[in-house]
Amino acid sequence: MAIVTGEGADNGYTGLSYEDKVEYASPIAHPMAPEKLARRLFKLTRKAKRCKKVDSSIKSVLKAIEKKNASGILVLAGDASPIDAISHIPVVCEEFNIPYCYVPSKADLSAHTGFAGFLALVFITKSDEYGTLYDKCFSAVDQLTGS
């Protein structure tokens, strides 16, 4: 079953199944979110984007985590290139007890978040408008990382 990429984006991944996209992900992309959790995370990013509770640049995410001690969920793209750009971020997340996981495709992450380009990562903070979905995703990602 293929994940619909939303917003009508044709990114080369539209015909691939979730398992095929996982094969294209980087070898260091662990823990990888299962398909059901990835769909929930994509839904959460759409809602968080509407509420302006999403950080999507590496610099702003690191600033929020390290300096502002923000809590949230970090979603990384498993096929981000170059991988060196985001390879240090899971270590920072583990230091500050931020749950994180990978999704297979930066194209899917971008399309579901509503950005025109490609996103390597998304940091989602909690809001009352999507609190129950956030709590479900937070506990699932936290269990996945074992934090």
C-alpha atoms as a PDB file:
ATOM      1  CA  MET A   1       0.000   0.000   0.000  1.00  0.00           C
ATOM      2  CA  ALA A   2       1.504   3.315  -1.077  1.00  0.00           C
ATOM      3  CA  ILE A   3       1.388   6.436   1.028  1.00  0.00           C
ATOM      4  CA  VAL A   4      -0.303   9.283  -0.789  1.00  0.00           C
ATOM      5  CA  THR A   5       2.111  12.180  -0.749  1.00  0.00           C
ATOM      6  CA  GLY A   6      -0.490  14.933  -0.524  1.00  0.00           C
ATOM      7  CA  GLU A   7      -0.617  18.337  -2.208  1.00  0.00           C
ATOM      8  CA  GLY A   8      -0.289  16.592  -5.607  1.00  0.00           C
ATOM      9  CA  ALA A   9       3.496  16.494  -5.445  1.00  0.00           C
ATOM     10  CA  ASP A  10       5.155  14.253  -8.020  1.00  0.00           C
ATOM     11  CA  ASN A  11       8.463  13.421  -6.411  1.00  0.00           C
ATOM     12  CA  GLY A  12       9.476  10.091  -7.904  1.00  0.00           C
ATOM     13  CA  TYR A  13       8.345   8.198  -4.792  1.00  0.00           C
ATOM     14  CA  THR A  14       4.617   8.274  -5.476  1.00  0.00           C
ATOM     15  CA  GLY A  15       4.406   4.754  -6.909  1.00  0.00           C
ATOM     16  CA  LEU A  16       6.556   3.077  -4.267  1.00  0.00           C
ATOM     17  CA  SER A  17       5.239   1.201  -1.267  1.00  0.00           C
ATOM     18  CA  TYR A  18       6.331   2.085   2.254  1.00  0.00           C
ATOM     19  CA  GLU A  19       8.660  -0.916   2.392  1.00  0.00           C
ATOM     20  CA  ASP A  20      10.343   0.146  -0.870  1.00  0.00           C
ATOM     21  CA  LYS A  21      10.896   3.642   0.506  1.00  0.00           C
ATOM     22  CA  VAL A  22      12.487   2.150   3.627  1.00  0.00           C
ATOM     23  CA  GLU A  23      15.000   0.358   1.391  1.00  0.00           C
ATOM     24  CA  TYR A  24      16.143   3.728  -0.005  1.00  0.00           C
ATOM     25  CA  ALA A  25      16.698   5.163   3.475  1.00  0.00           C
ATOM     26  CA  SER A  26      20.160   5.619   4.928  1.00  0.00           C
ATOM     27  CA  PRO A  27      21.667   2.740   6.929  1.00  0.00           C
ATOM     28  CA  ILE A  28      21.901   4.965  10.022  1.00  0.00           C
ATOM     29  CA  ALA A  29      18.184   5.829   9.911  1.00  0.00           C
ATOM     30  CA  HIS A  30      17.121   4.018  13.090  1.00  0.00           C
ATOM     31  CA  PRO A  31      14.580   3.849  14.674  1.00  0.00           C
ATOM     32  CA  MET A  32      12.389   3.857  11.571  1.00  0.00           C
ATOM     33  CA  ALA A  33       8.719   4.563  12.219  1.00  0.00           C
ATOM     34  CA  PRO A  34       6.307   1.804  11.183  1.00  0.00           C
ATOM     35  CA  GLU A  35       3.872   2.727   8.418  1.00  0.00           C
ATOM     36  CA  LYS A  36       0.927   3.390  10.749  1.00  0.00           C
ATOM     37  CA  LEU A  37       3.008   5.646  13.003  1.00  0.00           C
ATOM     38  CA  ALA A  38       4.405   7.470   9.959  1.00  0.00           C
ATOM     39  CA  ARG A  39       0.867   8.248   8.808  1.00  0.00           C
ATOM     40  CA  ARG A  40       0.000   9.557  12.266  1.00  0.00           C
ATOM     41  CA  LEU A  41       3.147  11.686  12.310  1.00  0.00           C
ATOM     42  CA  PHE A  42       2.309  13.117   8.883  1.00  0.00           C
ATOM     43  CA  LYS A  43      -1.184  13.976  10.105  1.00  0.00           C
ATOM     44  CA  LEU A  44       0.313  15.560  13.221  1.00  0.00           C
ATOM     45  CA  THR A  45       2.749  17.655  11.173  1.00  0.00           C
ATOM     46  CA  ARG A  46      -0.102  18.975   9.019  1.00  0.00           C
ATOM     47  CA  LYS A  47      -2.051  20.027  12.111  1.00  0.00           C
ATOM     48  CA  ALA A  48       1.020  21.480  13.815  1.00  0.00           C
ATOM     49  CA  LYS A  49       1.891  23.468  10.681  1.00  0.00           C
ATOM     50  CA  ARG A  50      -1.538  25.109  10.760  1.00  0.00           C
ATOM     51  CA  CYS A  51      -0.931  26.117  14.399  1.00  0.00           C
ATOM     52  CA  LYS A  52       2.647  27.262  13.673  1.00  0.00           C
ATOM     53  CA  LYS A  53       4.100  24.705  16.098  1.00  0.00           C
ATOM     54  CA  VAL A  54       6.644  23.261  13.637  1.00  0.00           C
ATOM     55  CA  ASP A  55      10.358  23.998  13.329  1.00  0.00           C
ATOM     56  CA  SER A  56      11.914  22.677  10.162  1.00  0.00           C
ATOM     57  CA  SER A  57      15.453  23.996   9.885  1.00  0.00           C
ATOM     58  CA  ILE A  58      18.405  22.313  11.559  1.00  0.00           C
ATOM     59  CA  LYS A  59      19.522  25.558  13.181  1.00  0.00           C
ATOM     60  CA  SER A  60      16.118  26.424  14.663  1.00  0.00           C
ATOM     61  CA  VAL A  61      15.569  22.867  15.909  1.00  0.00           C
ATOM     62  CA  LEU A  62      18.927  22.750  17.679  1.00  0.00           C
ATOM     63  CA  LYS A  63      18.303  26.195  19.166  1.00  0.00           C
ATOM     64  CA  ALA A  64      14.893  25.121  20.472  1.00  0.00           C
ATOM     65  CA  ILE A  65      16.259  21.924  22.003  1.00  0.00           C
ATOM     66  CA  GLU A  66      19.559  23.155  23.439  1.00  0.00           C
ATOM     67  CA  LYS A  67      18.826  26.741  24.456  1.00  0.00           C
ATOM     68  CA  LYS A  68      15.077  26.859  25.041  1.00  0.00           C
ATOM     69  CA  ASN A  69      14.764  23.326  26.473  1.00  0.00           C
ATOM     70  CA  ALA A  70      11.684  22.770  24.326  1.00  0.00           C
ATOM     71  CA  SER A  71       9.987  19.412  24.458  1.00  0.00           C
ATOM     72  CA  GLY A  72       8.461  17.811  21.419  1.00  0.00           C
ATOM     73  CA  ILE A  73       8.794  15.104  18.804  1.00  0.00           C
ATOM     74  CA  LEU A  74      11.541  15.131  16.205  1.00  0.00           C
ATOM     75  CA  VAL A  75      10.867  13.471  12.861  1.00  0.00           C
ATOM     76  CA  LEU A  76      13.868  12.966  10.574  1.00  0.00           C
ATOM     77  CA  ALA A  77      13.922  11.967   6.910  1.00  0.00           C
ATOM     78  CA  GLY A  78      15.665   8.658   6.368  1.00  0.00           C
ATOM     79  CA  ASP A  79      16.848   9.563   2.880  1.00  0.00           C
ATOM     80  CA  ALA A  80      18.224  13.016   3.738  1.00  0.00           C
ATOM     81  CA  SER A  81      21.292  13.856   1.735  1.00  0.00           C
ATOM     82  CA  PRO A  82      24.005  14.506   2.770  1.00  0.00           C
ATOM     83  CA  ILE A  83      23.352  12.433   5.867  1.00  0.00           C
ATOM     84  CA  ASP A  84      26.164  14.269   7.679  1.00  0.00           C
ATOM     85  CA  ALA A  85      23.898  17.310   7.903  1.00  0.00           C
ATOM     86  CA  ILE A  86      21.578  15.548  10.365  1.00  0.00           C
ATOM     87  CA  SER A  87      23.687  12.691  11.718  1.00  0.00           C
ATOM     88  CA  HIS A  88      24.513  14.561  14.955  1.00  0.00           C
ATOM     89  CA  ILE A  89      20.903  15.416  15.801  1.00  0.00           C
ATOM     90  CA  PRO A  90      19.885  12.045  17.339  1.00  0.00           C
ATOM     91  CA  VAL A  91      22.771  12.391  19.812  1.00  0.00           C
ATOM     92  CA  VAL A  92      21.485  15.823  20.867  1.00  0.00           C
ATOM     93  CA  CYS A  93      17.973  14.389  21.210  1.00  0.00           C
ATOM     94  CA  GLU A  94      19.227  11.605  23.459  1.00  0.00           C
ATOM     95  CA  GLU A  95      21.081  14.123  25.648  1.00  0.00           C
ATOM     96  CA  PHE A  96      17.924  16.187  26.144  1.00  0.00           C
ATOM     97  CA  ASN A  97      15.459  13.231  26.259  1.00  0.00           C
ATOM     98  CA  ILE A  98      13.636  14.249  23.086  1.00  0.00           C
ATOM     99  CA  PRO A  99      11.924  11.314  21.341  1.00  0.00           C
ATOM    100  CA  TYR A 100      12.830  11.030  17.667  1.00  0.00           C
ATOM    101  CA  CYS A 101      12.274   8.696  14.764  1.00  0.00           C
ATOM    102  CA  TYR A 102      12.885   8.490  11.056  1.00  0.00           C
ATOM    103  CA  VAL A 103      10.400   8.323   8.206  1.00  0.00           C
ATOM    104  CA  PRO A 104      11.630   6.878   4.907  1.00  0.00           C
ATOM    105  CA  SER A 105      11.176   9.830   2.573  1.00  0.00           C
ATOM    106  CA  LYS A 106      12.051  13.527   2.752  1.00  0.00           C
ATOM    107  CA  ALA A 107       9.614  14.060  -0.125  1.00  0.00           C
ATOM    108  CA  ASP A 108       6.726  12.635   1.911  1.00  0.00           C
ATOM    109  CA  LEU A 109       7.754  14.618   4.984  1.00  0.00           C
ATOM    110  CA  SER A 110       7.814  17.831   2.932  1.00  0.00           C
ATOM    111  CA  ALA A 111       4.564  17.174   1.100  1.00  0.00           C
ATOM    112  CA  HIS A 112       2.619  16.317   4.238  1.00  0.00           C
ATOM    113  CA  THR A 113       4.003  19.319   6.088  1.00  0.00           C
ATOM    114  CA  GLY A 114       3.099  21.601   3.202  1.00  0.00           C
ATOM    115  CA  PHE A 115       6.571  22.862   2.308  1.00  0.00           C
ATOM    116  CA  ALA A 116       7.562  23.318  -1.330  1.00  0.00           C
ATOM    117  CA  GLY A 117      11.132  22.011  -1.011  1.00  0.00           C
ATOM    118  CA  PHE A 118      12.500  18.968   0.745  1.00  0.00           C
ATOM    119  CA  LEU A 119      12.697  18.775   4.537  1.00  0.00           C
ATOM    120  CA  ALA A 120      15.344  16.796   6.375  1.00  0.00           C
ATOM    121  CA  LEU A 121      13.637  17.114   9.763  1.00  0.00           C
ATOM    122  CA  VAL A 122      10.596  18.469  11.571  1.00  0.00           C
ATOM    123  CA  PHE A 123      10.331  19.332  15.278  1.00  0.00           C
ATOM    124  CA  ILE A 124       6.755  19.351  16.575  1.00  0.00           C
ATOM    125  CA  THR A 125       5.754  20.973  19.859  1.00  0.00           C
ATOM    126  CA  LYS A 126       2.464  20.397  21.664  1.00  0.00           C
ATOM    127  CA  SER A 127      -0.681  22.463  21.249  1.00  0.00           C
ATOM    128  CA  ASP A 128      -4.165  22.077  22.704  1.00  0.00           C
ATOM    129  CA  GLU A 129      -5.703  21.834  19.223  1.00  0.00           C
ATOM    130  CA  TYR A 130      -4.134  18.441  18.514  1.00  0.00           C
ATOM    131  CA  GLY A 131      -3.234  17.318  22.035  1.00  0.00           C
ATOM    132  CA  THR A 132      -4.608  13.767  21.894  1.00  0.00           C
ATOM    133  CA  LEU A 133      -2.930  12.980  18.567  1.00  0.00           C
ATOM    134  CA  TYR A 134       0.308  14.494  19.876  1.00  0.00           C
ATOM    135  CA  ASP A 135       0.146  12.367  23.030  1.00  0.00           C
ATOM    136  CA  LYS A 136      -0.409   9.168  21.007  1.00  0.00           C
ATOM    137  CA  CYS A 137       2.503   9.981  18.699  1.00  0.00           C
ATOM    138  CA  PHE A 138       4.730  11.073  21.585  1.00  0.00           C
ATOM    139  CA  SER A 139       4.229   7.820  23.482  1.00  0.00           C
ATOM    140  CA  ALA A 140       4.689   5.695  20.335  1.00  0.00           C
ATOM    141  CA  VAL A 141       7.902   7.480  19.311  1.00  0.00           C
ATOM    142  CA  ASP A 142       9.166   7.448  22.902  1.00  0.00           C
ATOM    143  CA  GLN A 143       8.571   3.698  23.058  1.00  0.00           C
ATOM    144  CA  LEU A 144      10.332   3.305  19.702  1.00  0.00           C
ATOM    145  CA  THR A 145      13.459   5.140  20.877  1.00  0.00           C
ATOM    146  CA  GLY A 146      13.390   3.624  24.337  1.00  0.00           C
ATOM    147  CA  SER A 147      13.910   6.991  26.060  1.00  0.00           C
END
